[in-house]
N, C-alpha and C. Protein backbone atom coordinates (compact mmCIF):
# COMPACT_ATOMS: atom_id res chain seq x y z
N MET A 1 158.62 145.00 142.85
CA MET A 1 158.71 144.12 141.64
C MET A 1 157.17 143.97 141.07
N ASP A 2 156.99 144.02 139.80
CA ASP A 2 155.71 143.92 139.12
C ASP A 2 155.30 142.51 139.02
N THR A 3 154.65 141.92 140.01
CA THR A 3 154.31 140.62 139.79
C THR A 3 153.01 140.32 138.97
N GLU A 4 152.33 141.40 138.77
CA GLU A 4 151.09 141.35 137.93
C GLU A 4 151.49 140.98 136.42
N GLY A 5 152.49 141.71 136.03
CA GLY A 5 152.89 141.45 134.63
C GLY A 5 153.37 140.07 134.42
N ALA A 6 154.05 139.53 135.38
CA ALA A 6 154.65 138.17 135.35
C ALA A 6 153.58 137.18 135.29
N VAL A 7 152.41 137.32 135.90
CA VAL A 7 151.26 136.43 136.02
C VAL A 7 150.73 136.48 134.53
N GLU A 8 150.53 137.62 133.92
CA GLU A 8 149.89 137.67 132.59
C GLU A 8 150.75 136.89 131.62
N THR A 9 152.17 136.95 131.65
CA THR A 9 152.87 136.30 130.64
C THR A 9 153.06 134.84 130.92
N ALA A 10 152.97 134.50 132.23
CA ALA A 10 152.99 133.08 132.52
C ALA A 10 151.96 132.26 131.91
N GLY A 11 150.77 132.80 131.67
CA GLY A 11 149.67 132.11 131.16
C GLY A 11 149.53 132.22 129.67
N ALA A 12 150.33 133.13 129.02
CA ALA A 12 150.32 133.35 127.61
C ALA A 12 150.87 132.14 126.81
N PRO A 13 150.28 131.69 125.65
CA PRO A 13 150.79 130.51 125.03
C PRO A 13 152.18 130.91 124.38
N ARG A 14 152.92 129.93 124.32
CA ARG A 14 154.23 130.06 123.72
C ARG A 14 154.27 129.59 122.33
N PRO A 15 154.91 130.49 121.37
CA PRO A 15 154.94 129.94 120.02
C PRO A 15 155.98 128.79 119.97
N GLU A 16 155.71 127.96 118.89
CA GLU A 16 156.62 126.89 118.71
C GLU A 16 158.05 127.43 118.25
N PRO A 17 159.09 126.86 118.71
CA PRO A 17 160.36 127.51 118.35
C PRO A 17 160.61 127.34 116.90
N PHE A 18 160.25 126.39 116.15
CA PHE A 18 160.53 126.33 114.81
C PHE A 18 159.21 125.93 114.03
N ALA A 19 158.46 126.92 113.87
CA ALA A 19 157.18 126.59 113.25
C ALA A 19 157.42 126.13 111.73
N LEU A 20 156.58 125.23 111.27
CA LEU A 20 156.75 124.69 109.96
C LEU A 20 156.37 125.78 108.91
N VAL A 21 157.17 125.80 107.82
CA VAL A 21 156.91 126.85 106.80
C VAL A 21 155.85 126.03 105.84
N PRO A 22 154.71 126.69 105.67
CA PRO A 22 153.69 126.11 104.79
C PRO A 22 154.28 125.84 103.39
N GLU A 23 153.81 124.73 102.75
CA GLU A 23 154.17 124.37 101.43
C GLU A 23 153.58 125.47 100.40
N PRO A 24 154.60 126.11 99.64
CA PRO A 24 154.26 127.00 98.73
C PRO A 24 153.27 126.56 97.57
N GLU A 25 152.19 127.16 97.34
CA GLU A 25 151.31 126.67 96.32
C GLU A 25 152.06 127.06 94.91
N PRO A 26 151.88 126.08 94.06
CA PRO A 26 152.48 126.27 92.68
C PRO A 26 151.72 127.38 91.98
N THR A 27 152.43 128.23 91.30
CA THR A 27 151.80 129.32 90.53
C THR A 27 151.81 128.99 89.02
N GLY A 28 152.51 128.04 88.57
CA GLY A 28 152.44 127.80 87.15
C GLY A 28 153.60 128.61 86.50
N HIS A 29 154.23 129.56 87.21
CA HIS A 29 155.43 130.22 86.60
C HIS A 29 156.68 129.76 87.25
N PRO A 30 157.49 129.17 86.33
CA PRO A 30 158.66 128.67 86.98
C PRO A 30 159.59 129.52 87.72
N ASP A 31 159.81 130.69 87.34
CA ASP A 31 160.58 131.64 88.15
C ASP A 31 160.07 132.04 89.36
N VAL A 32 158.70 132.23 89.47
CA VAL A 32 157.94 132.49 90.70
C VAL A 32 158.17 131.24 91.63
N ASP A 33 157.79 130.12 91.12
CA ASP A 33 157.81 128.89 91.91
C ASP A 33 159.18 128.65 92.49
N ALA A 34 160.25 128.95 91.77
CA ALA A 34 161.69 128.77 92.20
C ALA A 34 161.95 129.70 93.27
N ALA A 35 161.45 130.98 93.13
CA ALA A 35 161.76 131.89 94.31
C ALA A 35 160.94 131.53 95.62
N LEU A 36 159.69 131.07 95.39
CA LEU A 36 158.98 130.67 96.63
C LEU A 36 159.52 129.40 97.19
N GLU A 37 160.10 128.58 96.48
CA GLU A 37 160.75 127.36 96.91
C GLU A 37 161.79 127.67 97.96
N ARG A 38 162.36 128.79 97.78
CA ARG A 38 163.47 129.16 98.70
C ARG A 38 163.06 129.32 100.15
N LEU A 39 161.71 129.47 100.31
CA LEU A 39 161.16 129.70 101.65
C LEU A 39 161.35 128.45 102.49
N ARG A 40 161.43 127.27 101.86
CA ARG A 40 161.76 126.06 102.57
C ARG A 40 163.09 126.06 103.28
N GLU A 41 163.94 127.01 103.07
CA GLU A 41 165.30 127.12 103.66
C GLU A 41 165.11 127.76 104.95
N LEU A 42 164.07 128.43 105.36
CA LEU A 42 163.98 129.14 106.60
C LEU A 42 164.29 128.29 107.81
N PRO A 43 163.67 127.17 107.92
CA PRO A 43 163.89 126.42 109.22
C PRO A 43 165.35 126.04 109.41
N GLU A 44 166.08 125.82 108.37
CA GLU A 44 167.59 125.30 108.59
C GLU A 44 168.55 126.48 108.81
N ARG A 45 168.01 127.80 108.44
CA ARG A 45 168.94 128.93 108.65
C ARG A 45 168.69 129.62 109.98
N PRO A 46 169.98 130.13 110.41
CA PRO A 46 169.75 131.01 111.58
C PRO A 46 168.94 132.18 111.41
N THR A 47 168.20 132.60 112.54
CA THR A 47 167.24 133.61 112.25
C THR A 47 167.89 134.91 111.73
N GLY A 48 169.10 135.15 112.08
CA GLY A 48 169.89 136.43 111.65
C GLY A 48 170.04 136.45 110.03
N THR A 49 169.96 135.30 109.47
CA THR A 49 170.10 135.29 108.08
C THR A 49 168.82 135.37 107.40
N HIS A 50 167.65 135.31 108.02
CA HIS A 50 166.47 135.41 107.30
C HIS A 50 166.20 136.63 106.51
N PRO A 51 166.50 137.85 106.99
CA PRO A 51 166.35 139.01 106.11
C PRO A 51 167.01 138.94 104.81
N ASP A 52 168.28 138.40 104.71
CA ASP A 52 168.89 138.16 103.44
C ASP A 52 168.10 137.31 102.53
N LEU A 53 167.57 136.17 103.11
CA LEU A 53 166.92 135.23 102.37
C LEU A 53 165.64 135.83 101.72
N TYR A 54 164.91 136.69 102.63
CA TYR A 54 163.59 137.20 102.25
C TYR A 54 163.98 138.36 101.07
N ASP A 55 165.05 139.12 101.26
CA ASP A 55 165.62 140.06 100.22
C ASP A 55 165.75 139.40 98.86
N GLY A 56 166.42 138.29 98.88
CA GLY A 56 166.69 137.45 97.77
C GLY A 56 165.48 136.96 97.11
N ILE A 57 164.56 136.52 97.85
CA ILE A 57 163.33 136.01 97.22
C ILE A 57 162.55 137.15 96.66
N HIS A 58 162.50 138.28 97.38
CA HIS A 58 161.85 139.59 96.90
C HIS A 58 162.42 139.95 95.62
N GLN A 59 163.76 140.04 95.50
CA GLN A 59 164.43 140.45 94.30
C GLN A 59 163.99 139.48 93.18
N ARG A 60 163.98 138.15 93.36
CA ARG A 60 163.74 137.25 92.28
C ARG A 60 162.22 137.43 91.82
N LEU A 61 161.33 137.69 92.80
CA LEU A 61 159.89 137.81 92.39
C LEU A 61 159.80 139.12 91.64
N GLN A 62 160.61 140.20 92.06
CA GLN A 62 160.48 141.50 91.18
C GLN A 62 160.99 141.29 89.82
N GLU A 63 162.08 140.43 89.70
CA GLU A 63 162.59 140.16 88.31
C GLU A 63 161.67 139.38 87.51
N ALA A 64 160.96 138.32 88.21
CA ALA A 64 160.01 137.53 87.39
C ALA A 64 158.81 138.45 86.87
N LEU A 65 158.40 139.32 87.80
CA LEU A 65 157.20 140.29 87.52
C LEU A 65 157.67 141.25 86.30
N ALA A 66 158.89 141.75 86.38
CA ALA A 66 159.31 142.69 85.36
C ALA A 66 159.43 141.84 84.10
N GLN A 67 159.88 140.57 84.02
CA GLN A 67 160.03 139.79 82.78
C GLN A 67 158.49 139.51 82.21
N ILE A 68 157.58 139.25 83.03
CA ILE A 68 156.31 139.15 82.57
C ILE A 68 155.69 140.32 82.01
N ASP A 69 155.98 141.44 82.64
CA ASP A 69 155.50 142.81 82.06
C ASP A 69 156.20 142.99 80.64
N ARG A 70 157.40 142.69 80.48
CA ARG A 70 158.13 142.87 79.25
C ARG A 70 157.48 142.05 78.26
N GLN A 71 157.19 140.66 78.67
CA GLN A 71 156.53 139.83 77.66
C GLN A 71 155.06 140.42 77.28
N ASP A 72 154.37 140.87 78.23
CA ASP A 72 153.03 141.39 77.87
C ASP A 72 153.12 142.67 77.01
N ALA A 73 154.21 143.46 77.28
CA ALA A 73 154.36 144.67 76.37
C ALA A 73 154.71 144.31 75.03
N GLY A 74 155.36 143.22 74.75
CA GLY A 74 155.89 142.84 73.47
C GLY A 74 154.74 142.17 72.68
N SER A 75 153.63 141.84 73.32
CA SER A 75 152.58 141.06 72.56
C SER A 75 151.67 141.96 71.86
């Protein structure tokens, strides 16, 4: 039995089980702020659903950036 490895992990700090999600900083862009606001859902959701939430946020941010690019191209 490897007792040396067990000693190393016994002294390691353990992360908090549900670390608080930091407050998103407002960006001033409503679509971006709405996407980032969804991060608040993480603590209430099972870990297995986090990838879907992140994917949805990523998609919304991509759409917001594409809209900004279209607006800039039209000016």
